[in-house]
């Protein structure tokens, strides 16, 4: 898979990744879900919260980039978002369910992006522009990276 992979294939990869991860996430106990992965690192709940935040930010990007010739979007300050949303106070099963449902919706959105919009330039914060095709591909890569931190190979 690359930034040139057709959007329906990116959507299929996203669906298969999240569907494979859910049983493994649900196998983790509530106690394990609040234990930091290492000193100074997020807990599994916080990490899934971060992936929910990533879904929320990318949802906006995927839709808005289809509405104009270029997208400029504010940066995502991940530690602040995770802290302000108190993910450790949420139920583990609730977080998993929300993460799974939101990502199924994103797969639906990605599946319907017109291929002729692949090259729409997207600027996030003060970074160099990337394409909408890159954002969709990178979203799945980012999600898989964090699942591997939880020792979940999907």
Foldseek 3Di string as FASTA:
>chain_A
DALLPQLLVLLVLLLVQLVQCLVVLVVDDLVQQQDALDVPHGGVLLLLVLLVVVLVQVVCVLVVLLVDLAAEEEADPRVVSSVVVPSNVDDSVVSSVSSNVSSNVVSVSSNPRDSVQQARWYHYHPDGTDGSSRSSNVSSVVVQVSVVSVVDHD
